[in-house]
Amino acid sequence: MSPQRLRHLVILAIISSSVACDQATKELAIDKLKGQAPMEWGPARLAYAENPGAFLGLGGEWPPAVRQAIFLVLAAVLVVAGTVWLFKAKRSWPMVLGGAIFVGGAMGNLIDRALREGGRVVDFAQIDFGFVSTGVFNWADVLLMAAIPIFLIWGREDEDEPGKKAEAEAPPPTTAPA
């Protein structure tokens, strides 16, 4: 198997397992938490919620048709652009992991927006350490947030590939006088 084919299979495996875990945890939340009192274990809390907006409810008060159209299009663009970015160029393995879990998270929330009434996303987890408290989130949100430090730490290395750096530093080609 060629290295490129292996890389593509790893990308597909990470994306598909990310989406599967997200959708499975959301189904568990619907089955076990919807209509029930929240469950608490120390700083962790599980409670069923439906988020019509984006991160921390952003845009949740917009008219439903506008909200759903914008968030569906935005999520679809992120999924397509992220997938193209992953498959088009050779990336370092950390960037492959970060990109694939980002695409998986975006795809998980896109599925919710496309299939659930009003484009709502199922959320179910919250953490409260007193000085740090989160909003209610889901597994797709964890994936999206986990990708950010990967991009910040290893993204610069991908930009500094030897071939790219040499091309940038090389003098422009000259033409011989006619």
Protein backbone atom coordinates (compact mmCIF):
# COMPACT_ATOMS: atom_id res chain seq x y z
CA MET A 1 0.00 0.00 0.00
CA SER A 2 1.36 3.39 -0.96
CA PRO A 3 2.03 5.99 1.76
CA GLN A 4 -0.54 8.31 0.20
CA ARG A 5 -3.20 5.60 0.19
CA LEU A 6 -2.42 4.78 3.82
CA ARG A 7 -2.69 8.48 4.73
CA HIS A 8 -6.10 8.69 3.01
CA LEU A 9 -7.34 5.59 4.83
CA VAL A 10 -6.20 7.02 8.17
CA ILE A 11 -7.99 10.31 7.41
CA LEU A 12 -11.20 8.48 6.52
CA ALA A 13 -10.93 6.27 9.62
CA ILE A 14 -10.48 9.26 11.93
CA ILE A 15 -13.32 11.23 10.35
CA SER A 16 -15.75 8.30 10.32
CA SER A 17 -14.94 7.20 13.89
CA SER A 18 -15.27 10.81 15.10
CA VAL A 19 -18.70 11.15 13.50
CA ALA A 20 -19.78 7.72 14.78
CA CYS A 21 -18.77 8.55 18.38
CA ASP A 22 -20.49 11.94 18.19
CA GLN A 23 -23.74 10.51 16.87
CA ALA A 24 -23.67 7.58 19.32
CA THR A 25 -23.19 9.87 22.34
CA LYS A 26 -26.00 12.12 21.12
CA GLU A 27 -28.32 9.13 20.76
CA LEU A 28 -27.39 8.04 24.29
CA ALA A 29 -28.16 11.55 25.53
CA ILE A 30 -31.56 11.45 23.83
CA ASP A 31 -32.35 7.97 25.23
CA LYS A 32 -31.01 8.43 28.77
CA LEU A 33 -31.10 12.16 29.53
CA LYS A 34 -34.00 13.73 27.64
CA GLY A 35 -36.79 14.50 30.08
CA GLN A 36 -34.68 13.42 33.06
CA ALA A 37 -33.07 15.38 35.86
CA PRO A 38 -29.40 16.26 35.27
CA MET A 39 -26.78 13.81 36.54
CA GLU A 40 -23.84 15.26 38.43
CA TRP A 41 -20.43 13.82 39.38
CA GLY A 42 -18.24 16.42 41.01
CA PRO A 43 -17.52 19.09 38.40
CA ALA A 44 -19.14 17.08 35.56
CA ARG A 45 -22.80 17.41 34.71
CA LEU A 46 -24.86 15.53 32.12
CA ALA A 47 -28.10 17.17 31.05
CA TYR A 48 -30.00 17.04 27.79
CA ALA A 49 -30.16 20.28 25.82
CA GLU A 50 -30.87 21.31 22.25
CA ASN A 51 -28.83 24.23 20.94
CA PRO A 52 -30.39 26.16 18.06
CA GLY A 53 -27.30 28.37 17.77
CA ALA A 54 -23.60 27.86 17.29
CA PHE A 55 -20.85 27.97 19.93
CA LEU A 56 -22.40 28.99 23.29
CA GLY A 57 -25.74 29.64 21.59
CA LEU A 58 -24.43 32.30 19.19
CA GLY A 59 -27.20 33.14 16.72
CA GLY A 60 -29.77 31.07 18.60
CA GLU A 61 -32.22 33.99 18.61
CA TRP A 62 -32.09 34.53 14.83
CA PRO A 63 -35.17 33.60 12.80
CA PRO A 64 -35.17 29.79 12.38
CA ALA A 65 -34.94 29.78 8.58
CA VAL A 66 -32.04 32.25 8.56
CA ARG A 67 -30.24 30.48 11.40
CA GLN A 68 -30.60 27.06 9.83
CA ALA A 69 -29.51 28.23 6.37
CA ILE A 70 -26.43 30.06 7.67
CA PHE A 71 -25.32 27.29 10.02
CA LEU A 72 -25.99 24.52 7.49
CA VAL A 73 -24.01 26.34 4.80
CA LEU A 74 -21.19 27.26 7.18
CA ALA A 75 -20.86 23.70 8.48
CA ALA A 76 -21.00 22.26 4.97
CA VAL A 77 -18.30 24.67 3.78
CA LEU A 78 -16.09 23.73 6.75
CA VAL A 79 -16.53 20.02 6.04
CA VAL A 80 -15.82 20.34 2.31
CA ALA A 81 -12.91 22.79 2.68
CA GLY A 82 -11.37 20.77 5.52
CA THR A 83 -11.64 17.53 3.56
CA VAL A 84 -10.10 19.07 0.44
CA TRP A 85 -7.31 20.58 2.59
CA LEU A 86 -6.57 17.17 4.12
CA PHE A 87 -6.49 15.24 0.86
CA LYS A 88 -4.92 17.84 -1.43
CA ALA A 89 -1.49 18.39 0.14
CA LYS A 90 0.86 16.32 2.20
CA ARG A 91 0.45 17.28 5.86
CA SER A 92 2.39 16.29 8.96
CA TRP A 93 0.73 13.52 10.97
CA PRO A 94 -0.30 15.88 13.79
CA MET A 95 -1.98 18.13 11.22
CA VAL A 96 -3.70 15.11 9.65
CA LEU A 97 -5.05 14.19 13.09
CA GLY A 98 -6.12 17.78 13.83
CA GLY A 99 -7.73 18.26 10.43
CA ALA A 100 -9.53 14.93 10.51
CA ILE A 101 -10.98 15.43 14.00
CA PHE A 102 -12.00 18.98 13.04
CA VAL A 103 -13.81 17.69 9.94
CA GLY A 104 -15.37 14.89 12.01
CA GLY A 105 -16.64 17.36 14.60
CA ALA A 106 -18.01 19.75 11.99
CA MET A 107 -19.66 16.83 10.20
CA GLY A 108 -21.24 15.56 13.44
CA ASN A 109 -22.90 18.91 14.12
CA LEU A 110 -23.82 19.27 10.42
CA ILE A 111 -25.74 15.98 10.63
CA ASP A 112 -27.70 17.33 13.61
CA ARG A 113 -28.45 20.61 11.86
CA ALA A 114 -29.61 18.83 8.72
CA LEU A 115 -31.75 16.16 10.41
CA ARG A 116 -33.14 17.70 13.61
CA GLU A 117 -36.11 20.03 13.78
CA GLY A 118 -35.10 23.66 13.53
CA GLY A 119 -31.46 22.78 12.87
CA ARG A 120 -30.86 22.14 16.56
CA VAL A 121 -27.76 20.37 17.84
CA VAL A 122 -27.98 17.93 20.75
CA ASP A 123 -25.75 18.94 23.67
CA PHE A 124 -25.43 17.06 26.95
CA ALA A 125 -22.22 17.72 28.91
CA GLN A 126 -21.05 20.57 31.10
CA ILE A 127 -18.04 21.06 33.37
CA ASP A 128 -17.90 23.46 36.30
CA PHE A 129 -14.72 23.87 38.34
CA GLY A 130 -15.96 27.11 39.91
CA PHE A 131 -13.32 29.33 38.33
CA VAL A 132 -13.82 27.64 34.95
CA SER A 133 -17.27 26.69 33.75
CA THR A 134 -18.28 25.57 30.29
CA GLY A 135 -21.51 25.90 28.43
CA VAL A 136 -23.34 22.71 27.51
CA PHE A 137 -21.48 20.84 24.76
CA ASN A 138 -21.27 17.54 22.87
CA TRP A 139 -18.56 15.24 21.50
CA ALA A 140 -18.37 17.13 18.18
CA ASP A 141 -17.59 20.31 20.13
CA VAL A 142 -14.79 18.48 22.00
CA LEU A 143 -13.31 17.41 18.65
CA LEU A 144 -13.50 20.93 17.23
CA MET A 145 -11.83 22.39 20.33
CA ALA A 146 -9.16 19.64 20.42
CA ALA A 147 -8.14 20.50 16.85
CA ILE A 148 -7.31 24.11 17.73
CA PRO A 149 -4.19 23.48 19.86
CA ILE A 150 -2.99 20.94 17.30
CA PHE A 151 -3.23 23.59 14.57
CA LEU A 152 -1.56 26.19 16.79
CA ILE A 153 1.33 23.92 17.82
CA TRP A 154 2.03 22.02 14.60
CA GLY A 155 0.54 24.33 11.96
CA ARG A 156 3.65 26.49 11.76
CA GLU A 157 5.80 23.41 11.10
CA ASP A 158 3.65 22.53 8.08
CA GLU A 159 4.22 26.04 6.71
CA ASP A 160 7.97 25.67 7.18
CA GLU A 161 8.40 22.58 5.00
CA PRO A 162 11.92 22.59 3.49
CA GLY A 163 10.69 22.77 -0.10
CA LYS A 164 8.40 25.71 0.58
CA LYS A 165 11.05 27.61 2.53
CA ALA A 166 13.69 27.08 -0.18
CA GLU A 167 11.28 28.29 -2.87
CA ALA A 168 10.45 31.40 -0.84
CA GLU A 169 14.13 32.26 -0.31
CA ALA A 170 15.30 31.53 -3.85
CA PRO A 171 16.00 34.56 -6.03
CA PRO A 172 13.58 35.09 -8.90
CA PRO A 173 14.63 33.52 -12.21
CA THR A 174 16.45 35.81 -14.60
CA THR A 175 16.16 35.82 -18.34
CA ALA A 176 19.07 36.13 -20.71
CA PRO A 177 19.17 39.30 -22.85
CA ALA A 178 17.90 38.75 -26.39
